[in-house]
Amino acid sequence: MSKITVMFPDSSSLDVITPDPNICPCCNYGIKAQNLFISDVEYIKDIYSFIVVHQCPNCSKYFITEYIQDPIFIHDVDLPEFVARPYTPPFKISISNESSLTDISERFLEVYKQSLMAEHYGLHHLVGMGLRKALEYLLQDYLSIINPNEIEKIKNSTLSQNINLIPNENLKSLATASTWLGNDHVHTSIKWPDKDISDLKAFIEALTYLLLMELSILSAKEMISRKSSNGSTL
């Protein structure tokens, strides 16, 4: 345990007790870490917290510990003791055309983002499976938009059956290739050893761009058809 001085939100400084990290999370070596930076205390959701940036004397890598405590254990205490927990920096996922894709398939975006998070945290065996499921949701919702009278059929069809319903050949090719690579990450036998998860992500990203363009073209054609049926001209 160590005594360190921290600055609270009311600008008062206070000595607090914190447990010392004794194992480096990077090299798994027993250490006495060096404290390089101590943040000010924040008060969020009824909890006081601050972070400390450490450096491992063995591997020289940096890691962060977050210290938290409930206010009732701080006030009127000479040396409040904070509890340590590993700190995970927030991971922000940026997806092109996210707002447009939300209008088409929120289910796709939810699973797609979870798959990218799995990749970020090193859960590589889950990424391909998640991307394949996201693809299935995207195609179901896309086909339901262009075939509103066949929603129940589309919902109960397999992925390969739905791919056959895609009218745009380029979209169908991207969906088929994405499915093949997704299957490689679901099953134990690999049929495309020269391709990896980056190819699957690239195919799905291209598919989303083309799908959005296709829907925009259909919307434009519908406008023109409606205007023509009213006897109007350009």
C-alpha atoms as a PDB file:
ATOM      1  CA  MET A   1       0.000   0.000   0.000  1.00  0.00           C
ATOM      2  CA  SER A   2       1.173   3.522  -0.740  1.00  0.00           C
ATOM      3  CA  LYS A   3       0.180   6.965   0.388  1.00  0.00           C
ATOM      4  CA  ILE A   4      -0.290   9.466  -2.429  1.00  0.00           C
ATOM      5  CA  THR A   5      -1.704  12.975  -2.614  1.00  0.00           C
ATOM      6  CA  VAL A   6      -4.595  13.641  -4.995  1.00  0.00           C
ATOM      7  CA  MET A   7      -6.633  16.713  -5.916  1.00  0.00           C
ATOM      8  CA  PHE A   8     -10.396  16.474  -5.410  1.00  0.00           C
ATOM      9  CA  PRO A   9     -13.069  18.292  -7.479  1.00  0.00           C
ATOM     10  CA  ASP A  10     -13.422  21.034  -4.846  1.00  0.00           C
ATOM     11  CA  SER A  11      -9.685  21.825  -5.390  1.00  0.00           C
ATOM     12  CA  SER A  12      -8.728  20.390  -2.013  1.00  0.00           C
ATOM     13  CA  SER A  13      -5.787  18.011  -1.822  1.00  0.00           C
ATOM     14  CA  LEU A  14      -5.895  14.897   0.307  1.00  0.00           C
ATOM     15  CA  ASP A  15      -3.591  12.014   1.144  1.00  0.00           C
ATOM     16  CA  VAL A  16      -5.118   8.643   0.292  1.00  0.00           C
ATOM     17  CA  ILE A  17      -4.019   5.025   0.537  1.00  0.00           C
ATOM     18  CA  THR A  18      -3.841   2.908  -2.627  1.00  0.00           C
ATOM     19  CA  PRO A  19      -2.792  -0.706  -3.216  1.00  0.00           C
ATOM     20  CA  ASP A  20       0.403  -1.017  -5.249  1.00  0.00           C
ATOM     21  CA  PRO A  21       0.294  -3.061  -8.461  1.00  0.00           C
ATOM     22  CA  ASN A  22       2.713  -5.944  -7.887  1.00  0.00           C
ATOM     23  CA  ILE A  23       2.321  -7.764 -11.208  1.00  0.00           C
ATOM     24  CA  CYS A  24       2.962  -6.099 -14.568  1.00  0.00           C
ATOM     25  CA  PRO A  25      -0.006  -6.836 -16.901  1.00  0.00           C
ATOM     26  CA  CYS A  26       2.341  -6.604 -19.891  1.00  0.00           C
ATOM     27  CA  CYS A  27       5.137  -9.011 -18.924  1.00  0.00           C
ATOM     28  CA  ASN A  28       3.454 -10.751 -15.942  1.00  0.00           C
ATOM     29  CA  TYR A  29       6.558 -10.078 -13.828  1.00  0.00           C
ATOM     30  CA  GLY A  30       6.528  -9.290 -10.119  1.00  0.00           C
ATOM     31  CA  ILE A  31       7.381  -5.605  -9.787  1.00  0.00           C
ATOM     32  CA  LYS A  32       7.379  -2.440  -7.748  1.00  0.00           C
ATOM     33  CA  ALA A  33       5.857  -0.091 -10.324  1.00  0.00           C
ATOM     34  CA  GLN A  34       6.895   3.503 -10.838  1.00  0.00           C
ATOM     35  CA  ASN A  35       4.095   6.083 -10.756  1.00  0.00           C
ATOM     36  CA  LEU A  36       4.558   8.475 -13.685  1.00  0.00           C
ATOM     37  CA  PHE A  37       1.274  10.383 -13.582  1.00  0.00           C
ATOM     38  CA  ILE A  38      -1.604  10.798 -11.129  1.00  0.00           C
ATOM     39  CA  SER A  39      -4.827  12.364 -12.376  1.00  0.00           C
ATOM     40  CA  ASP A  40      -7.149  14.586 -10.396  1.00  0.00           C
ATOM     41  CA  VAL A  41     -10.085  12.892  -8.697  1.00  0.00           C
ATOM     42  CA  GLU A  42     -13.386  12.820 -10.602  1.00  0.00           C
ATOM     43  CA  TYR A  43     -16.843  12.406  -9.104  1.00  0.00           C
ATOM     44  CA  ILE A  44     -19.039  10.454 -11.527  1.00  0.00           C
ATOM     45  CA  LYS A  45     -22.187   8.482 -10.716  1.00  0.00           C
ATOM     46  CA  ASP A  46     -21.671   8.857  -6.959  1.00  0.00           C
ATOM     47  CA  ILE A  47     -18.149   7.417  -7.099  1.00  0.00           C
ATOM     48  CA  TYR A  48     -14.789   9.117  -6.637  1.00  0.00           C
ATOM     49  CA  SER A  49     -12.121   7.883  -9.050  1.00  0.00           C
ATOM     50  CA  PHE A  50      -8.695   8.734 -10.426  1.00  0.00           C
ATOM     51  CA  ILE A  51      -6.086   6.985 -12.545  1.00  0.00           C
ATOM     52  CA  VAL A  52      -2.370   6.402 -12.174  1.00  0.00           C
ATOM     53  CA  VAL A  53      -0.023   5.735 -15.077  1.00  0.00           C
ATOM     54  CA  HIS A  54       2.672   3.247 -14.109  1.00  0.00           C
ATOM     55  CA  GLN A  55       5.853   2.054 -15.783  1.00  0.00           C
ATOM     56  CA  CYS A  56       7.165  -1.451 -15.330  1.00  0.00           C
ATOM     57  CA  PRO A  57      10.852  -1.516 -14.280  1.00  0.00           C
ATOM     58  CA  ASN A  58      11.235  -4.917 -15.942  1.00  0.00           C
ATOM     59  CA  CYS A  59       9.805  -4.448 -19.475  1.00  0.00           C
ATOM     60  CA  SER A  60       9.567  -0.608 -19.422  1.00  0.00           C
ATOM     61  CA  LYS A  61       5.993  -0.700 -20.730  1.00  0.00           C
ATOM     62  CA  TYR A  62       3.236   1.526 -19.398  1.00  0.00           C
ATOM     63  CA  PHE A  63      -0.061   0.495 -17.851  1.00  0.00           C
ATOM     64  CA  ILE A  64      -2.910   2.229 -16.061  1.00  0.00           C
ATOM     65  CA  THR A  65      -4.733   1.517 -12.823  1.00  0.00           C
ATOM     66  CA  GLU A  66      -8.008   3.147 -11.855  1.00  0.00           C
ATOM     67  CA  TYR A  67      -8.676   3.746  -8.156  1.00  0.00           C
ATOM     68  CA  ILE A  68     -12.256   4.152  -6.936  1.00  0.00           C
ATOM     69  CA  GLN A  69     -14.097   4.709  -3.692  1.00  0.00           C
ATOM     70  CA  ASP A  70     -17.565   5.498  -2.395  1.00  0.00           C
ATOM     71  CA  PRO A  71     -17.857   8.973  -0.776  1.00  0.00           C
ATOM     72  CA  ILE A  72     -19.012   7.489   2.548  1.00  0.00           C
ATOM     73  CA  PHE A  73     -15.549   5.941   2.997  1.00  0.00           C
ATOM     74  CA  ILE A  74     -13.713   9.206   2.332  1.00  0.00           C
ATOM     75  CA  HIS A  75     -15.222  11.982   4.406  1.00  0.00           C
ATOM     76  CA  ASP A  76     -14.126  12.271   8.042  1.00  0.00           C
ATOM     77  CA  VAL A  77     -11.398   9.672   7.491  1.00  0.00           C
ATOM     78  CA  ASP A  78      -7.743  10.545   8.079  1.00  0.00           C
ATOM     79  CA  LEU A  79      -6.367   8.326   5.316  1.00  0.00           C
ATOM     80  CA  PRO A  80      -9.132   7.150   2.949  1.00  0.00           C
ATOM     81  CA  GLU A  81      -8.341   3.888   1.202  1.00  0.00           C
ATOM     82  CA  PHE A  82      -9.127   3.529  -2.498  1.00  0.00           C
ATOM     83  CA  VAL A  83      -9.758   0.236  -4.309  1.00  0.00           C
ATOM     84  CA  ALA A  84      -7.836  -0.632  -7.481  1.00  0.00           C
ATOM     85  CA  ARG A  85      -9.299  -1.990 -10.684  1.00  0.00           C
ATOM     86  CA  PRO A  86      -7.768  -2.385 -14.166  1.00  0.00           C
ATOM     87  CA  TYR A  87      -8.436   0.567 -16.427  1.00  0.00           C
ATOM     88  CA  THR A  88      -9.618  -0.035 -19.992  1.00  0.00           C
ATOM     89  CA  PRO A  89      -9.514   3.062 -22.198  1.00  0.00           C
ATOM     90  CA  PRO A  90     -12.779   3.551 -24.103  1.00  0.00           C
ATOM     91  CA  PHE A  91     -12.723   2.140 -27.617  1.00  0.00           C
ATOM     92  CA  LYS A  92     -14.561   4.332 -30.119  1.00  0.00           C
ATOM     93  CA  ILE A  93     -15.835   2.618 -33.240  1.00  0.00           C
ATOM     94  CA  SER A  94     -16.177   4.790 -36.331  1.00  0.00           C
ATOM     95  CA  ILE A  95     -18.284   3.373 -39.164  1.00  0.00           C
ATOM     96  CA  SER A  96     -18.733   5.083 -42.517  1.00  0.00           C
ATOM     97  CA  ASN A  97     -22.328   6.057 -43.330  1.00  0.00           C
ATOM     98  CA  GLU A  98     -23.476   4.890 -39.890  1.00  0.00           C
ATOM     99  CA  SER A  99     -26.586   7.078 -39.827  1.00  0.00           C
ATOM    100  CA  SER A 100     -27.727   5.803 -43.240  1.00  0.00           C
ATOM    101  CA  LEU A 101     -27.062   2.197 -42.244  1.00  0.00           C
ATOM    102  CA  THR A 102     -29.049   2.709 -39.041  1.00  0.00           C
ATOM    103  CA  ASP A 103     -32.124   3.471 -41.153  1.00  0.00           C
ATOM    104  CA  ILE A 104     -31.655   0.165 -42.982  1.00  0.00           C
ATOM    105  CA  SER A 105     -30.516  -2.293 -40.299  1.00  0.00           C
ATOM    106  CA  GLU A 106     -29.885  -1.458 -36.667  1.00  0.00           C
ATOM    107  CA  ARG A 107     -29.318  -5.176 -36.055  1.00  0.00           C
ATOM    108  CA  PHE A 108     -26.454  -5.190 -38.529  1.00  0.00           C
ATOM    109  CA  LEU A 109     -24.776  -2.214 -36.883  1.00  0.00           C
ATOM    110  CA  GLU A 110     -25.107  -3.661 -33.385  1.00  0.00           C
ATOM    111  CA  VAL A 111     -23.503  -7.002 -34.293  1.00  0.00           C
ATOM    112  CA  TYR A 112     -20.944  -5.385 -36.619  1.00  0.00           C
ATOM    113  CA  LYS A 113     -19.751  -3.064 -33.845  1.00  0.00           C
ATOM    114  CA  GLN A 114     -19.545  -5.936 -31.366  1.00  0.00           C
ATOM    115  CA  SER A 115     -17.422  -7.864 -33.878  1.00  0.00           C
ATOM    116  CA  LEU A 116     -15.017  -4.945 -34.262  1.00  0.00           C
ATOM    117  CA  MET A 117     -14.789  -4.659 -30.471  1.00  0.00           C
ATOM    118  CA  ALA A 118     -13.969  -8.362 -30.256  1.00  0.00           C
ATOM    119  CA  GLU A 119     -11.168  -7.786 -32.766  1.00  0.00           C
ATOM    120  CA  HIS A 120      -9.872  -4.810 -30.770  1.00  0.00           C
ATOM    121  CA  TYR A 121      -9.697  -6.862 -27.570  1.00  0.00           C
ATOM    122  CA  GLY A 122      -7.982  -9.791 -29.250  1.00  0.00           C
ATOM    123  CA  LEU A 123     -10.980 -12.156 -29.330  1.00  0.00           C
ATOM    124  CA  HIS A 124     -10.061 -13.219 -32.845  1.00  0.00           C
ATOM    125  CA  HIS A 125     -12.091 -16.441 -32.907  1.00  0.00           C
ATOM    126  CA  LEU A 126     -15.297 -14.439 -32.436  1.00  0.00           C
ATOM    127  CA  VAL A 127     -14.760 -11.750 -35.081  1.00  0.00           C
ATOM    128  CA  GLY A 128     -15.542 -13.732 -38.223  1.00  0.00           C
ATOM    129  CA  MET A 129     -18.594 -15.393 -36.675  1.00  0.00           C
ATOM    130  CA  GLY A 130     -19.947 -12.007 -35.655  1.00  0.00           C
ATOM    131  CA  LEU A 131     -19.325 -10.456 -39.069  1.00  0.00           C
ATOM    132  CA  ARG A 132     -21.140 -13.322 -40.781  1.00  0.00           C
ATOM    133  CA  LYS A 133     -24.155 -12.845 -38.489  1.00  0.00           C
ATOM    134  CA  ALA A 134     -24.076  -9.087 -39.125  1.00  0.00           C
ATOM    135  CA  LEU A 135     -24.069  -9.775 -42.877  1.00  0.00           C
ATOM    136  CA  GLU A 136     -27.112 -12.013 -42.519  1.00  0.00           C
ATOM    137  CA  TYR A 137     -29.032  -9.286 -40.681  1.00  0.00           C
ATOM    138  CA  LEU A 138     -28.028  -6.651 -43.261  1.00  0.00           C
ATOM    139  CA  LEU A 139     -29.200  -8.726 -46.220  1.00  0.00           C
ATOM    140  CA  GLN A 140     -32.469  -9.677 -44.510  1.00  0.00           C
ATOM    141  CA  ASP A 141     -33.312  -6.036 -43.788  1.00  0.00           C
ATOM    142  CA  TYR A 142     -32.187  -4.836 -47.239  1.00  0.00           C
ATOM    143  CA  LEU A 143     -34.308  -7.463 -49.009  1.00  0.00           C
ATOM    144  CA  SER A 144     -37.275  -6.636 -46.759  1.00  0.00           C
ATOM    145  CA  ILE A 145     -37.047  -3.019 -47.926  1.00  0.00           C
ATOM    146  CA  ILE A 146     -37.057  -3.868 -51.631  1.00  0.00           C
ATOM    147  CA  ASN A 147     -39.539  -6.759 -51.222  1.00  0.00           C
ATOM    148  CA  PRO A 148     -41.998  -5.532 -48.580  1.00  0.00           C
ATOM    149  CA  ASN A 149     -44.525  -8.227 -49.473  1.00  0.00           C
ATOM    150  CA  GLU A 150     -42.081 -11.067 -48.791  1.00  0.00           C
ATOM    151  CA  ILE A 151     -40.767 -10.110 -45.351  1.00  0.00           C
ATOM    152  CA  GLU A 152     -41.850 -13.334 -43.668  1.00  0.00           C
ATOM    153  CA  LYS A 153     -40.307 -15.460 -46.428  1.00  0.00           C
ATOM    154  CA  ILE A 154     -37.042 -13.519 -46.231  1.00  0.00           C
ATOM    155  CA  LYS A 155     -36.965 -13.848 -42.458  1.00  0.00           C
ATOM    156  CA  ASN A 156     -37.334 -17.633 -42.630  1.00  0.00           C
ATOM    157  CA  SER A 157     -34.892 -18.169 -45.515  1.00  0.00           C
ATOM    158  CA  THR A 158     -31.257 -19.182 -45.202  1.00  0.00           C
ATOM    159  CA  LEU A 159     -28.465 -16.765 -45.968  1.00  0.00           C
ATOM    160  CA  SER A 160     -27.695 -18.452 -49.295  1.00  0.00           C
ATOM    161  CA  GLN A 161     -31.384 -18.377 -50.262  1.00  0.00           C
ATOM    162  CA  ASN A 162     -31.563 -14.663 -49.534  1.00  0.00           C
ATOM    163  CA  ILE A 163     -28.406 -13.979 -51.519  1.00  0.00           C
ATOM    164  CA  ASN A 164     -30.127 -15.520 -54.547  1.00  0.00           C
ATOM    165  CA  LEU A 165     -32.882 -12.893 -54.166  1.00  0.00           C
ATOM    166  CA  ILE A 166     -30.458  -9.981 -54.582  1.00  0.00           C
ATOM    167  CA  PRO A 167     -31.157  -8.343 -57.955  1.00  0.00           C
ATOM    168  CA  ASN A 168     -27.838  -6.488 -58.259  1.00  0.00           C
ATOM    169  CA  GLU A 169     -25.120  -8.874 -59.479  1.00  0.00           C
ATOM    170  CA  ASN A 170     -22.289  -6.893 -57.897  1.00  0.00           C
ATOM    171  CA  LEU A 171     -24.061  -6.925 -54.552  1.00  0.00           C
ATOM    172  CA  LYS A 172     -24.686 -10.642 -54.952  1.00  0.00           C
ATOM    173  CA  SER A 173     -20.975 -11.270 -55.637  1.00  0.00           C
ATOM    174  CA  LEU A 174     -19.878  -9.339 -52.554  1.00  0.00           C
ATOM    175  CA  ALA A 175     -22.462 -11.073 -50.393  1.00  0.00           C
ATOM    176  CA  THR A 176     -21.447 -14.498 -51.690  1.00  0.00           C
ATOM    177  CA  ALA A 177     -17.727 -13.913 -51.155  1.00  0.00           C
ATOM    178  CA  SER A 178     -18.383 -12.484 -47.693  1.00  0.00           C
ATOM    179  CA  THR A 179     -20.450 -15.549 -46.798  1.00  0.00           C
ATOM    180  CA  TRP A 180     -17.702 -17.923 -47.950  1.00  0.00           C
ATOM    181  CA  LEU A 181     -15.103 -16.132 -45.825  1.00  0.00           C
ATOM    182  CA  GLY A 182     -17.541 -15.940 -42.904  1.00  0.00           C
ATOM    183  CA  ASN A 183     -18.050 -19.687 -43.135  1.00  0.00           C
ATOM    184  CA  ASP A 184     -14.276 -20.176 -42.849  1.00  0.00           C
ATOM    185  CA  HIS A 185     -14.466 -18.480 -39.446  1.00  0.00           C
ATOM    186  CA  VAL A 186     -17.466 -20.515 -38.316  1.00  0.00           C
ATOM    187  CA  HIS A 187     -16.388 -24.002 -39.393  1.00  0.00           C
ATOM    188  CA  THR A 188     -13.189 -25.871 -38.602  1.00  0.00           C
ATOM    189  CA  SER A 189     -12.263 -26.543 -42.232  1.00  0.00           C
ATOM    190  CA  ILE A 190     -10.736 -23.592 -44.105  1.00  0.00           C
ATOM    191  CA  LYS A 191     -11.570 -23.313 -47.803  1.00  0.00           C
ATOM    192  CA  TRP A 192      -9.933 -19.949 -48.468  1.00  0.00           C
ATOM    193  CA  PRO A 193      -6.513 -20.036 -46.735  1.00  0.00           C
ATOM    194  CA  ASP A 194      -5.214 -17.099 -48.789  1.00  0.00           C
ATOM    195  CA  LYS A 195      -7.889 -14.794 -47.319  1.00  0.00           C
ATOM    196  CA  ASP A 196      -8.216 -13.453 -43.778  1.00  0.00           C
ATOM    197  CA  ILE A 197     -10.452 -11.287 -41.625  1.00  0.00           C
ATOM    198  CA  SER A 198      -9.270  -8.097 -43.346  1.00  0.00           C
ATOM    199  CA  ASP A 199     -10.660  -9.409 -46.652  1.00  0.00           C
ATOM    200  CA  LEU A 200     -13.984 -10.213 -45.021  1.00  0.00           C
ATOM    201  CA  LYS A 201     -14.189  -6.717 -43.531  1.00  0.00           C
ATOM    202  CA  ALA A 202     -13.273  -5.144 -46.878  1.00  0.00           C
ATOM    203  CA  PHE A 203     -15.986  -7.128 -48.703  1.00  0.00           C
ATOM    204  CA  ILE A 204     -18.646  -6.169 -46.148  1.00  0.00           C
ATOM    205  CA  GLU A 205     -17.624  -2.507 -46.234  1.00  0.00           C
ATOM    206  CA  ALA A 206     -17.818  -2.483 -50.034  1.00  0.00           C
ATOM    207  CA  LEU A 207     -21.187  -4.221 -49.819  1.00  0.00           C
ATOM    208  CA  THR A 208     -22.573  -1.520 -47.516  1.00  0.00           C
ATOM    209  CA  TYR A 209     -21.439   1.249 -49.887  1.00  0.00           C
ATOM    210  CA  LEU A 210     -22.976  -0.470 -52.903  1.00  0.00           C
ATOM    211  CA  LEU A 211     -26.150  -1.348 -51.005  1.00  0.00           C
ATOM    212  CA  LEU A 212     -26.676   2.274 -49.965  1.00  0.00           C
ATOM    213  CA  MET A 213     -26.057   3.429 -53.528  1.00  0.00           C
ATOM    214  CA  GLU A 214     -28.512   0.852 -54.865  1.00  0.00           C
ATOM    215  CA  LEU A 215     -31.221   2.006 -52.473  1.00  0.00           C
ATOM    216  CA  SER A 216     -30.592   5.650 -53.413  1.00  0.00           C
ATOM    217  CA  ILE A 217     -30.927   4.768 -57.114  1.00  0.00           C
ATOM    218  CA  LEU A 218     -34.182   2.915 -56.438  1.00  0.00           C
ATOM    219  CA  SER A 219     -35.483   5.925 -54.536  1.00  0.00           C
ATOM    220  CA  ALA A 220     -34.563   8.250 -57.416  1.00  0.00           C
ATOM    221  CA  LYS A 221     -36.242   5.952 -59.968  1.00  0.00           C
ATOM    222  CA  GLU A 222     -39.363   5.823 -57.817  1.00  0.00           C
ATOM    223  CA  MET A 223     -39.498   9.637 -57.790  1.00  0.00           C
ATOM    224  CA  ILE A 224     -39.114   9.817 -61.561  1.00  0.00           C
ATOM    225  CA  SER A 225     -41.757   7.115 -62.082  1.00  0.00           C
ATOM    226  CA  ARG A 226     -44.184   8.932 -59.796  1.00  0.00           C
ATOM    227  CA  LYS A 227     -43.644  12.228 -61.583  1.00  0.00           C
ATOM    228  CA  SER A 228     -44.086  10.566 -64.984  1.00  0.00           C
ATOM    229  CA  SER A 229     -47.332   8.889 -63.925  1.00  0.00           C
ATOM    230  CA  ASN A 230     -48.704  12.316 -63.017  1.00  0.00           C
ATOM    231  CA  GLY A 231     -48.090  13.485 -66.561  1.00  0.00           C
ATOM    232  CA  SER A 232     -45.210  15.748 -65.580  1.00  0.00           C
ATOM    233  CA  THR A 233     -41.929  16.042 -67.431  1.00  0.00           C
ATOM    234  CA  LEU A 234     -38.452  17.083 -66.478  1.00  0.00           C
END
